[in-house]
Amino acid sequence: MCESCDGNLTSHPEHTHGIDEDLRPAFSAWPGGPSSPHCTDWLCRGPWASDVLRSVQWVNAGQHLGPLDSLPLSLVDAVLTVRAEWDTIRAEESKRDNPPH
């Protein structure tokens, strides 16, 4: 949807905006989700998302990122969220592949 955007609200057509809590135009990750000052699609293609996914791979491989209180809160939150989602997906696959007898 936003292959060539710059991430800013002003560079998007109005029909792509949501409304924030103060009834101002804003982006959101999903309808009714939290508002963001930047385009979520643009953010996900940026280096931060790549860094989070690399960090998750590192942790999944058994490596330690360091003390959580020494890392940026946004990185900690993202890594824990991705890990929790991955664990949920794996649990659902296990239930599907091994139904109760």
PDB file of N, CA and C in Angstrom:
ATOM      1  N   MET A   1       0.810  -1.186   0.000  1.00  0.00           N
ATOM      2  CA  MET A   1       0.000   0.000   0.000  1.00  0.00           C
ATOM      3  C   MET A   1       0.858   1.257   0.000  1.00  0.00           C
ATOM      4  N   CYS A   2       1.962   1.256   0.703  1.00  0.00           N
ATOM      5  CA  CYS A   2       2.786   2.457   0.867  1.00  0.00           C
ATOM      6  C   CYS A   2       4.219   2.223   0.401  1.00  0.00           C
ATOM      7  N   GLU A   3       4.389   1.662  -0.772  1.00  0.00           N
ATOM      8  CA  GLU A   3       5.727   1.280  -1.224  1.00  0.00           C
ATOM      9  C   GLU A   3       6.714   2.449  -1.264  1.00  0.00           C
ATOM     10  N   SER A   4       6.226   3.653  -1.575  1.00  0.00           N
ATOM     11  CA  SER A   4       7.154   4.772  -1.732  1.00  0.00           C
ATOM     12  C   SER A   4       6.848   5.924  -0.781  1.00  0.00           C
ATOM     13  N   CYS A   5       6.164   5.670   0.324  1.00  0.00           N
ATOM     14  CA  CYS A   5       5.831   6.767   1.232  1.00  0.00           C
ATOM     15  C   CYS A   5       7.037   7.135   2.092  1.00  0.00           C
ATOM     16  N   ASP A   6       6.931   8.290   2.724  1.00  0.00           N
ATOM     17  CA  ASP A   6       7.999   8.745   3.612  1.00  0.00           C
ATOM     18  C   ASP A   6       7.634   8.560   5.086  1.00  0.00           C
ATOM     19  N   GLY A   7       6.497   7.908   5.347  1.00  0.00           N
ATOM     20  CA  GLY A   7       6.084   7.634   6.710  1.00  0.00           C
ATOM     21  C   GLY A   7       5.270   8.726   7.372  1.00  0.00           C
ATOM     22  N   ASN A   8       5.134   9.879   6.726  1.00  0.00           N
ATOM     23  CA  ASN A   8       4.443  11.010   7.339  1.00  0.00           C
ATOM     24  C   ASN A   8       2.978  11.074   6.953  1.00  0.00           C
ATOM     25  N   LEU A   9       2.160  11.517   7.876  1.00  0.00           N
ATOM     26  CA  LEU A   9       0.725  11.631   7.683  1.00  0.00           C
ATOM     27  C   LEU A   9       0.384  12.552   6.516  1.00  0.00           C
ATOM     28  N   THR A  10       1.127  13.634   6.369  1.00  0.00           N
ATOM     29  CA  THR A  10       0.820  14.620   5.329  1.00  0.00           C
ATOM     30  C   THR A  10       1.048  14.098   3.921  1.00  0.00           C
ATOM     31  N   SER A  11       1.806  13.033   3.762  1.00  0.00           N
ATOM     32  CA  SER A  11       2.085  12.510   2.424  1.00  0.00           C
ATOM     33  C   SER A  11       1.105  11.424   1.997  1.00  0.00           C
ATOM     34  N   HIS A  12       0.088  11.136   2.818  1.00  0.00           N
ATOM     35  CA  HIS A  12      -0.906  10.119   2.510  1.00  0.00           C
ATOM     36  C   HIS A  12      -2.254  10.757   2.220  1.00  0.00           C
ATOM     37  N   PRO A  13      -3.035  10.139   1.336  1.00  0.00           N
ATOM     38  CA  PRO A  13      -4.395  10.643   1.107  1.00  0.00           C
ATOM     39  C   PRO A  13      -5.225  10.516   2.385  1.00  0.00           C
ATOM     40  N   GLU A  14      -6.195  11.386   2.556  1.00  0.00           N
ATOM     41  CA  GLU A  14      -6.994  11.389   3.783  1.00  0.00           C
ATOM     42  C   GLU A  14      -7.705  10.067   4.052  1.00  0.00           C
ATOM     43  N   HIS A  15      -8.096   9.343   2.992  1.00  0.00           N
ATOM     44  CA  HIS A  15      -8.839   8.096   3.222  1.00  0.00           C
ATOM     45  C   HIS A  15      -7.985   7.008   3.869  1.00  0.00           C
ATOM     46  N   THR A  16      -6.667   7.196   3.958  1.00  0.00           N
ATOM     47  CA  THR A  16      -5.810   6.206   4.610  1.00  0.00           C
ATOM     48  C   THR A  16      -5.623   6.515   6.085  1.00  0.00           C
ATOM     49  N   HIS A  17      -6.128   7.634   6.574  1.00  0.00           N
ATOM     50  CA  HIS A  17      -5.954   8.028   7.970  1.00  0.00           C
ATOM     51  C   HIS A  17      -7.028   7.418   8.850  1.00  0.00           C
ATOM     52  N   GLY A  18      -6.655   7.175  10.070  1.00  0.00           N
ATOM     53  CA  GLY A  18      -7.627   6.861  11.100  1.00  0.00           C
ATOM     54  C   GLY A  18      -7.821   8.116  11.936  1.00  0.00           C
ATOM     55  N   ILE A  19      -8.471   7.982  13.057  1.00  0.00           N
ATOM     56  CA  ILE A  19      -8.696   9.102  13.966  1.00  0.00           C
ATOM     57  C   ILE A  19      -8.141   8.707  15.331  1.00  0.00           C
ATOM     58  N   ASP A  20      -7.367   9.613  15.950  1.00  0.00           N
ATOM     59  CA  ASP A  20      -6.818   9.297  17.270  1.00  0.00           C
ATOM     60  C   ASP A  20      -7.817   9.627  18.375  1.00  0.00           C
ATOM     61  N   GLU A  21      -7.379   9.489  19.620  1.00  0.00           N
ATOM     62  CA  GLU A  21      -8.256   9.707  20.777  1.00  0.00           C
ATOM     63  C   GLU A  21      -8.781  11.139  20.850  1.00  0.00           C
ATOM     64  N   ASP A  22      -8.046  12.095  20.253  1.00  0.00           N
ATOM     65  CA  ASP A  22      -8.450  13.504  20.258  1.00  0.00           C
ATOM     66  C   ASP A  22      -9.189  13.892  18.979  1.00  0.00           C
ATOM     67  N   LEU A  23      -9.621  12.858  18.224  1.00  0.00           N
ATOM     68  CA  LEU A  23     -10.359  13.045  16.963  1.00  0.00           C
ATOM     69  C   LEU A  23      -9.556  13.787  15.896  1.00  0.00           C
ATOM     70  N   ARG A  24      -8.240  13.596  15.921  1.00  0.00           N
ATOM     71  CA  ARG A  24      -7.366  14.155  14.891  1.00  0.00           C
ATOM     72  C   ARG A  24      -6.924  13.023  13.972  1.00  0.00           C
ATOM     73  N   PRO A  25      -6.629  13.337  12.696  1.00  0.00           N
ATOM     74  CA  PRO A  25      -6.150  12.288  11.789  1.00  0.00           C
ATOM     75  C   PRO A  25      -4.876  11.640  12.336  1.00  0.00           C
ATOM     76  N   ALA A  26      -4.796  10.332  12.204  1.00  0.00           N
ATOM     77  CA  ALA A  26      -3.631   9.589  12.683  1.00  0.00           C
ATOM     78  C   ALA A  26      -3.570   8.263  11.953  1.00  0.00           C
ATOM     79  N   PHE A  27      -2.432   7.614  12.037  1.00  0.00           N
ATOM     80  CA  PHE A  27      -2.279   6.253  11.536  1.00  0.00           C
ATOM     81  C   PHE A  27      -2.572   5.296  12.679  1.00  0.00           C
ATOM     82  N   SER A  28      -2.947   4.078  12.352  1.00  0.00           N
ATOM     83  CA  SER A  28      -3.052   3.037  13.369  1.00  0.00           C
ATOM     84  C   SER A  28      -2.675   1.713  12.721  1.00  0.00           C
ATOM     85  N   ALA A  29      -2.222   0.769  13.550  1.00  0.00           N
ATOM     86  CA  ALA A  29      -1.785  -0.521  13.031  1.00  0.00           C
ATOM     87  C   ALA A  29      -2.971  -1.353  12.556  1.00  0.00           C
ATOM     88  N   TRP A  30      -4.148  -1.155  13.168  1.00  0.00           N
ATOM     89  CA  TRP A  30      -5.367  -1.846  12.765  1.00  0.00           C
ATOM     90  C   TRP A  30      -6.529  -0.943  13.160  1.00  0.00           C
ATOM     91  N   PRO A  31      -7.681  -1.123  12.534  1.00  0.00           N
ATOM     92  CA  PRO A  31      -8.829  -0.269  12.864  1.00  0.00           C
ATOM     93  C   PRO A  31      -9.142  -0.309  14.355  1.00  0.00           C
ATOM     94  N   GLY A  32      -9.159   0.839  14.964  1.00  0.00           N
ATOM     95  CA  GLY A  32      -9.429   0.925  16.392  1.00  0.00           C
ATOM     96  C   GLY A  32      -8.200   0.698  17.251  1.00  0.00           C
ATOM     97  N   GLY A  33      -7.059   0.401  16.626  1.00  0.00           N
ATOM     98  CA  GLY A  33      -5.833   0.175  17.378  1.00  0.00           C
ATOM     99  C   GLY A  33      -5.197   1.478  17.815  1.00  0.00           C
ATOM    100  N   PRO A  34      -4.080   1.392  18.534  1.00  0.00           N
ATOM    101  CA  PRO A  34      -3.426   2.599  19.017  1.00  0.00           C
ATOM    102  C   PRO A  34      -2.950   3.474  17.859  1.00  0.00           C
ATOM    103  N   SER A  35      -3.004   4.769  18.063  1.00  0.00           N
ATOM    104  CA  SER A  35      -2.597   5.680  17.000  1.00  0.00           C
ATOM    105  C   SER A  35      -1.081   5.829  16.960  1.00  0.00           C
ATOM    106  N   SER A  36      -0.598   6.224  15.808  1.00  0.00           N
ATOM    107  CA  SER A  36       0.830   6.394  15.587  1.00  0.00           C
ATOM    108  C   SER A  36       1.054   7.648  14.751  1.00  0.00           C
ATOM    109  N   PRO A  37       2.131   8.381  14.997  1.00  0.00           N
ATOM    110  CA  PRO A  37       2.414   9.559  14.178  1.00  0.00           C
ATOM    111  C   PRO A  37       2.997   9.198  12.810  1.00  0.00           C
ATOM    112  N   HIS A  38       3.352   7.929  12.626  1.00  0.00           N
ATOM    113  CA  HIS A  38       3.973   7.489  11.377  1.00  0.00           C
ATOM    114  C   HIS A  38       3.222   6.311  10.776  1.00  0.00           C
ATOM    115  N   CYS A  39       3.375   6.126   9.485  1.00  0.00           N
ATOM    116  CA  CYS A  39       2.757   5.029   8.753  1.00  0.00           C
ATOM    117  C   CYS A  39       3.343   3.701   9.240  1.00  0.00           C
ATOM    118  N   THR A  40       2.483   2.797   9.679  1.00  0.00           N
ATOM    119  CA  THR A  40       2.934   1.513  10.210  1.00  0.00           C
ATOM    120  C   THR A  40       3.638   0.682   9.140  1.00  0.00           C
ATOM    121  N   ASP A  41       3.118   0.724   7.920  1.00  0.00           N
ATOM    122  CA  ASP A  41       3.747  -0.007   6.823  1.00  0.00           C
ATOM    123  C   ASP A  41       5.175   0.487   6.609  1.00  0.00           C
ATOM    124  N   TRP A  42       5.357   1.788   6.633  1.00  0.00           N
ATOM    125  CA  TRP A  42       6.678   2.395   6.456  1.00  0.00           C
ATOM    126  C   TRP A  42       7.600   1.994   7.611  1.00  0.00           C
ATOM    127  N   LEU A  43       7.086   2.050   8.838  1.00  0.00           N
ATOM    128  CA  LEU A  43       7.885   1.681  10.008  1.00  0.00           C
ATOM    129  C   LEU A  43       8.348   0.231   9.948  1.00  0.00           C
ATOM    130  N   CYS A  44       7.467  -0.663   9.509  1.00  0.00           N
ATOM    131  CA  CYS A  44       7.805  -2.088   9.469  1.00  0.00           C
ATOM    132  C   CYS A  44       8.869  -2.419   8.433  1.00  0.00           C
ATOM    133  N   ARG A  45       9.019  -1.572   7.434  1.00  0.00           N
ATOM    134  CA  ARG A  45      10.071  -1.794   6.438  1.00  0.00           C
ATOM    135  C   ARG A  45      11.390  -1.173   6.855  1.00  0.00           C
ATOM    136  N   GLY A  46      11.392  -0.439   7.948  1.00  0.00           N
ATOM    137  CA  GLY A  46      12.587   0.267   8.396  1.00  0.00           C
ATOM    138  C   GLY A  46      13.564  -0.628   9.128  1.00  0.00           C
ATOM    139  N   PRO A  47      14.719  -0.087   9.452  1.00  0.00           N
ATOM    140  CA  PRO A  47      15.751  -0.889  10.125  1.00  0.00           C
ATOM    141  C   PRO A  47      15.354  -1.336  11.528  1.00  0.00           C
ATOM    142  N   TRP A  48      14.489  -0.592  12.202  1.00  0.00           N
ATOM    143  CA  TRP A  48      14.104  -0.974  13.562  1.00  0.00           C
ATOM    144  C   TRP A  48      13.404  -2.322  13.571  1.00  0.00           C
ATOM    145  N   ALA A  49      12.483  -2.534  12.638  1.00  0.00           N
ATOM    146  CA  ALA A  49      11.780  -3.814  12.578  1.00  0.00           C
ATOM    147  C   ALA A  49      12.760  -4.944  12.271  1.00  0.00           C
ATOM    148  N   SER A  50      13.710  -4.696  11.388  1.00  0.00           N
ATOM    149  CA  SER A  50      14.730  -5.711  11.088  1.00  0.00           C
ATOM    150  C   SER A  50      15.565  -6.021  12.314  1.00  0.00           C
ATOM    151  N   ASP A  51      15.906  -4.983  13.089  1.00  0.00           N
ATOM    152  CA  ASP A  51      16.689  -5.192  14.310  1.00  0.00           C
ATOM    153  C   ASP A  51      15.909  -6.036  15.320  1.00  0.00           C
ATOM    154  N   VAL A  52      14.611  -5.768  15.438  1.00  0.00           N
ATOM    155  CA  VAL A  52      13.785  -6.547  16.365  1.00  0.00           C
ATOM    156  C   VAL A  52      13.749  -8.001  15.925  1.00  0.00           C
ATOM    157  N   LEU A  53      13.505  -8.238  14.641  1.00  0.00           N
ATOM    158  CA  LEU A  53      13.420  -9.622  14.169  1.00  0.00           C
ATOM    159  C   LEU A  53      14.751 -10.347  14.319  1.00  0.00           C
ATOM    160  N   ARG A  54      15.873  -9.646  14.085  1.00  0.00           N
ATOM    161  CA  ARG A  54      17.184 -10.260  14.300  1.00  0.00           C
ATOM    162  C   ARG A  54      17.394 -10.574  15.776  1.00  0.00           C
ATOM    163  N   SER A  55      16.941  -9.670  16.646  1.00  0.00           N
ATOM    164  CA  SER A  55      17.058  -9.902  18.088  1.00  0.00           C
ATOM    165  C   SER A  55      16.257 -11.117  18.507  1.00  0.00           C
ATOM    166  N   VAL A  56      15.048 -11.264  17.950  1.00  0.00           N
ATOM    167  CA  VAL A  56      14.216 -12.421  18.268  1.00  0.00           C
ATOM    168  C   VAL A  56      14.910 -13.700  17.799  1.00  0.00           C
ATOM    169  N   GLN A  57      15.480 -13.684  16.610  1.00  0.00           N
ATOM    170  CA  GLN A  57      16.204 -14.865  16.121  1.00  0.00           C
ATOM    171  C   GLN A  57      17.359 -15.202  17.059  1.00  0.00           C
ATOM    172  N   TRP A  58      18.045 -14.191  17.523  1.00  0.00           N
ATOM    173  CA  TRP A  58      19.181 -14.373  18.430  1.00  0.00           C
ATOM    174  C   TRP A  58      18.713 -15.032  19.729  1.00  0.00           C
ATOM    175  N   VAL A  59      17.621 -14.517  20.292  1.00  0.00           N
ATOM    176  CA  VAL A  59      17.079 -15.069  21.536  1.00  0.00           C
ATOM    177  C   VAL A  59      16.560 -16.483  21.310  1.00  0.00           C
ATOM    178  N   ASN A  60      15.877 -16.719  20.180  1.00  0.00           N
ATOM    179  CA  ASN A  60      15.362 -18.056  19.877  1.00  0.00           C
ATOM    180  C   ASN A  60      16.483 -19.064  19.726  1.00  0.00           C
ATOM    181  N   ALA A  61      17.652 -18.610  19.329  1.00  0.00           N
ATOM    182  CA  ALA A  61      18.802 -19.501  19.196  1.00  0.00           C
ATOM    183  C   ALA A  61      19.482 -19.753  20.538  1.00  0.00           C
ATOM    184  N   GLY A  62      18.927 -19.160  21.610  1.00  0.00           N
ATOM    185  CA  GLY A  62      19.473 -19.407  22.942  1.00  0.00           C
ATOM    186  C   GLY A  62      20.484 -18.383  23.401  1.00  0.00           C
ATOM    187  N   GLN A  63      20.681 -17.340  22.644  1.00  0.00           N
ATOM    188  CA  GLN A  63      21.633 -16.306  23.029  1.00  0.00           C
ATOM    189  C   GLN A  63      20.972 -15.283  23.943  1.00  0.00           C
ATOM    190  N   HIS A  64      21.783 -14.560  24.679  1.00  0.00           N
ATOM    191  CA  HIS A  64      21.298 -13.575  25.646  1.00  0.00           C
ATOM    192  C   HIS A  64      21.481 -12.175  25.065  1.00  0.00           C
ATOM    193  N   LEU A  65      20.422 -11.366  25.108  1.00  0.00           N
ATOM    194  CA  LEU A  65      20.518  -9.992  24.606  1.00  0.00           C
ATOM    195  C   LEU A  65      21.189  -9.058  25.597  1.00  0.00           C
ATOM    196  N   GLY A  66      21.219  -9.446  26.838  1.00  0.00           N
ATOM    197  CA  GLY A  66      21.745  -8.583  27.892  1.00  0.00           C
ATOM    198  C   GLY A  66      20.665  -8.338  28.916  1.00  0.00           C
ATOM    199  N   PRO A  67      21.012  -7.663  29.997  1.00  0.00           N
ATOM    200  CA  PRO A  67      19.994  -7.363  31.001  1.00  0.00           C
ATOM    201  C   PRO A  67      18.877  -6.532  30.385  1.00  0.00           C
ATOM    202  N   LEU A  68      17.626  -6.935  30.595  1.00  0.00           N
ATOM    203  CA  LEU A  68      16.510  -6.231  29.970  1.00  0.00           C
ATOM    204  C   LEU A  68      16.476  -4.754  30.341  1.00  0.00           C
ATOM    205  N   ASP A  69      16.894  -4.414  31.557  1.00  0.00           N
ATOM    206  CA  ASP A  69      16.843  -3.009  31.955  1.00  0.00           C
ATOM    207  C   ASP A  69      17.948  -2.172  31.313  1.00  0.00           C
ATOM    208  N   SER A  70      18.864  -2.819  30.586  1.00  0.00           N
ATOM    209  CA  SER A  70      19.910  -2.056  29.894  1.00  0.00           C
ATOM    210  C   SER A  70      19.553  -1.814  28.423  1.00  0.00           C
ATOM    211  N   LEU A  71      18.434  -2.398  27.958  1.00  0.00           N
ATOM    212  CA  LEU A  71      18.016  -2.277  26.566  1.00  0.00           C
ATOM    213  C   LEU A  71      16.921  -1.225  26.437  1.00  0.00           C
ATOM    214  N   PRO A  72      16.792  -0.632  25.249  1.00  0.00           N
ATOM    215  CA  PRO A  72      15.676   0.306  25.051  1.00  0.00           C
ATOM    216  C   PRO A  72      14.347  -0.411  25.280  1.00  0.00           C
ATOM    217  N   LEU A  73      13.444   0.245  25.985  1.00  0.00           N
ATOM    218  CA  LEU A  73      12.164  -0.360  26.324  1.00  0.00           C
ATOM    219  C   LEU A  73      11.404  -0.817  25.085  1.00  0.00           C
ATOM    220  N   SER A  74      11.490  -0.054  24.000  1.00  0.00           N
ATOM    221  CA  SER A  74      10.775  -0.443  22.788  1.00  0.00           C
ATOM    222  C   SER A  74      11.307  -1.762  22.229  1.00  0.00           C
ATOM    223  N   LEU A  75      12.613  -1.999  22.324  1.00  0.00           N
ATOM    224  CA  LEU A  75      13.193  -3.251  21.841  1.00  0.00           C
ATOM    225  C   LEU A  75      12.751  -4.415  22.728  1.00  0.00           C
ATOM    226  N   VAL A  76      12.804  -4.226  24.023  1.00  0.00           N
ATOM    227  CA  VAL A  76      12.387  -5.268  24.957  1.00  0.00           C
ATOM    228  C   VAL A  76      10.931  -5.635  24.702  1.00  0.00           C
ATOM    229  N   ASP A  77      10.071  -4.625  24.602  1.00  0.00           N
ATOM    230  CA  ASP A  77       8.649  -4.861  24.382  1.00  0.00           C
ATOM    231  C   ASP A  77       8.417  -5.606  23.071  1.00  0.00           C
ATOM    232  N   ALA A  78       9.105  -5.186  22.014  1.00  0.00           N
ATOM    233  CA  ALA A  78       8.926  -5.825  20.706  1.00  0.00           C
ATOM    234  C   ALA A  78       9.400  -7.273  20.728  1.00  0.00           C
ATOM    235  N   VAL A  79      10.557  -7.530  21.317  1.00  0.00           N
ATOM    236  CA  VAL A  79      11.087  -8.898  21.364  1.00  0.00           C
ATOM    237  C   VAL A  79      10.157  -9.795  22.179  1.00  0.00           C
ATOM    238  N   LEU A  80       9.695  -9.323  23.331  1.00  0.00           N
ATOM    239  CA  LEU A  80       8.793 -10.130  24.158  1.00  0.00           C
ATOM    240  C   LEU A  80       7.467 -10.380  23.451  1.00  0.00           C
ATOM    241  N   THR A  81       6.971  -9.388  22.732  1.00  0.00           N
ATOM    242  CA  THR A  81       5.713  -9.548  22.009  1.00  0.00           C
ATOM    243  C   THR A  81       5.850 -10.570  20.892  1.00  0.00           C
ATOM    244  N   VAL A  82       6.917 -10.458  20.105  1.00  0.00           N
ATOM    245  CA  VAL A  82       7.133 -11.404  19.006  1.00  0.00           C
ATOM    246  C   VAL A  82       7.330 -12.815  19.558  1.00  0.00           C
ATOM    247  N   ARG A  83       8.079 -12.935  20.634  1.00  0.00           N
ATOM    248  CA  ARG A  83       8.281 -14.255  21.243  1.00  0.00           C
ATOM    249  C   ARG A  83       6.959 -14.849  21.720  1.00  0.00           C
ATOM    250  N   ALA A  84       6.125 -14.043  22.364  1.00  0.00           N
ATOM    251  CA  ALA A  84       4.831 -14.531  22.858  1.00  0.00           C
ATOM    252  C   ALA A  84       3.946 -14.971  21.700  1.00  0.00           C
ATOM    253  N   GLU A  85       3.932 -14.186  20.634  1.00  0.00           N
ATOM    254  CA  GLU A  85       3.126 -14.562  19.465  1.00  0.00           C
ATOM    255  C   GLU A  85       3.637 -15.862  18.855  1.00  0.00           C
ATOM    256  N   TRP A  86       4.950 -15.989  18.749  1.00  0.00           N
ATOM    257  CA  TRP A  86       5.534 -17.202  18.191  1.00  0.00           C
ATOM    258  C   TRP A  86       5.192 -18.414  19.056  1.00  0.00           C
ATOM    259  N   ASP A  87       5.268 -18.254  20.383  1.00  0.00           N
ATOM    260  CA  ASP A  87       4.915 -19.350  21.292  1.00  0.00           C
ATOM    261  C   ASP A  87       3.452 -19.751  21.116  1.00  0.00           C
ATOM    262  N   THR A  88       2.577 -18.765  20.928  1.00  0.00           N
ATOM    263  CA  THR A  88       1.152 -19.046  20.708  1.00  0.00           C
ATOM    264  C   THR A  88       0.942 -19.821  19.418  1.00  0.00           C
ATOM    265  N   ILE A  89       1.617 -19.411  18.366  1.00  0.00           N
ATOM    266  CA  ILE A  89       1.515 -20.104  17.070  1.00  0.00           C
ATOM    267  C   ILE A  89       1.990 -21.543  17.208  1.00  0.00           C
ATOM    268  N   ARG A  90       3.106 -21.744  17.867  1.00  0.00           N
ATOM    269  CA  ARG A  90       3.645 -23.096  18.046  1.00  0.00           C
ATOM    270  C   ARG A  90       2.687 -23.969  18.863  1.00  0.00           C
ATOM    271  N   ALA A  91       2.087 -23.391  19.919  1.00  0.00           N
ATOM    272  CA  ALA A  91       1.142 -24.148  20.747  1.00  0.00           C
ATOM    273  C   ALA A  91      -0.087 -24.550  19.936  1.00  0.00           C
ATOM    274  N   GLU A  92      -0.580 -23.635  19.093  1.00  0.00           N
ATOM    275  CA  GLU A  92      -1.744 -23.956  18.258  1.00  0.00           C
ATOM    276  C   GLU A  92      -1.398 -25.045  17.240  1.00  0.00           C
ATOM    277  N   GLU A  93      -0.203 -24.992  16.678  1.00  0.00           N
ATOM    278  CA  GLU A  93       0.220 -26.034  15.730  1.00  0.00           C
ATOM    279  C   GLU A  93       0.308 -27.379  16.438  1.00  0.00           C
ATOM    280  N   SER A  94       0.838 -27.369  17.658  1.00  0.00           N
ATOM    281  CA  SER A  94       0.980 -28.613  18.407  1.00  0.00           C
ATOM    282  C   SER A  94      -0.388 -29.213  18.706  1.00  0.00           C
ATOM    283  N   LYS A  95      -1.356 -28.386  19.096  1.00  0.00           N
ATOM    284  CA  LYS A  95      -2.706 -28.873  19.353  1.00  0.00           C
ATOM    285  C   LYS A  95      -3.325 -29.461  18.084  1.00  0.00           C
ATOM    286  N   ARG A  96      -3.102 -28.805  16.964  1.00  0.00           N
ATOM    287  CA  ARG A  96      -3.667 -29.272  15.701  1.00  0.00           C
ATOM    288  C   ARG A  96      -3.025 -30.588  15.278  1.00  0.00           C
ATOM    289  N   ASP A  97      -1.714 -30.697  15.445  1.00  0.00           N
ATOM    290  CA  ASP A  97      -0.997 -31.900  15.014  1.00  0.00           C
ATOM    291  C   ASP A  97      -1.139 -33.071  15.987  1.00  0.00           C
ATOM    292  N   ASN A  98      -1.484 -32.791  17.241  1.00  0.00           N
ATOM    293  CA  ASN A  98      -1.621 -33.824  18.269  1.00  0.00           C
ATOM    294  C   ASN A  98      -2.957 -33.676  18.986  1.00  0.00           C
ATOM    295  N   PRO A  99      -4.068 -33.934  18.296  1.00  0.00           N
ATOM    296  CA  PRO A  99      -5.367 -33.774  18.953  1.00  0.00           C
ATOM    297  C   PRO A  99      -5.527 -34.746  20.111  1.00  0.00           C
ATOM    298  N   PRO A 100      -6.325 -34.350  21.121  1.00  0.00           N
ATOM    299  CA  PRO A 100      -6.546 -35.269  22.266  1.00  0.00           C
ATOM    300  C   PRO A 100      -7.289 -36.531  21.797  1.00  0.00           C
ATOM    301  N   HIS A 101      -7.000 -37.639  22.418  1.00  0.00           N
ATOM    302  CA  HIS A 101      -7.606 -38.916  22.018  1.00  0.00           C
ATOM    303  C   HIS A 101      -8.896 -39.138  22.713  1.00  0.00           C
TER     304      HIS A 101
END
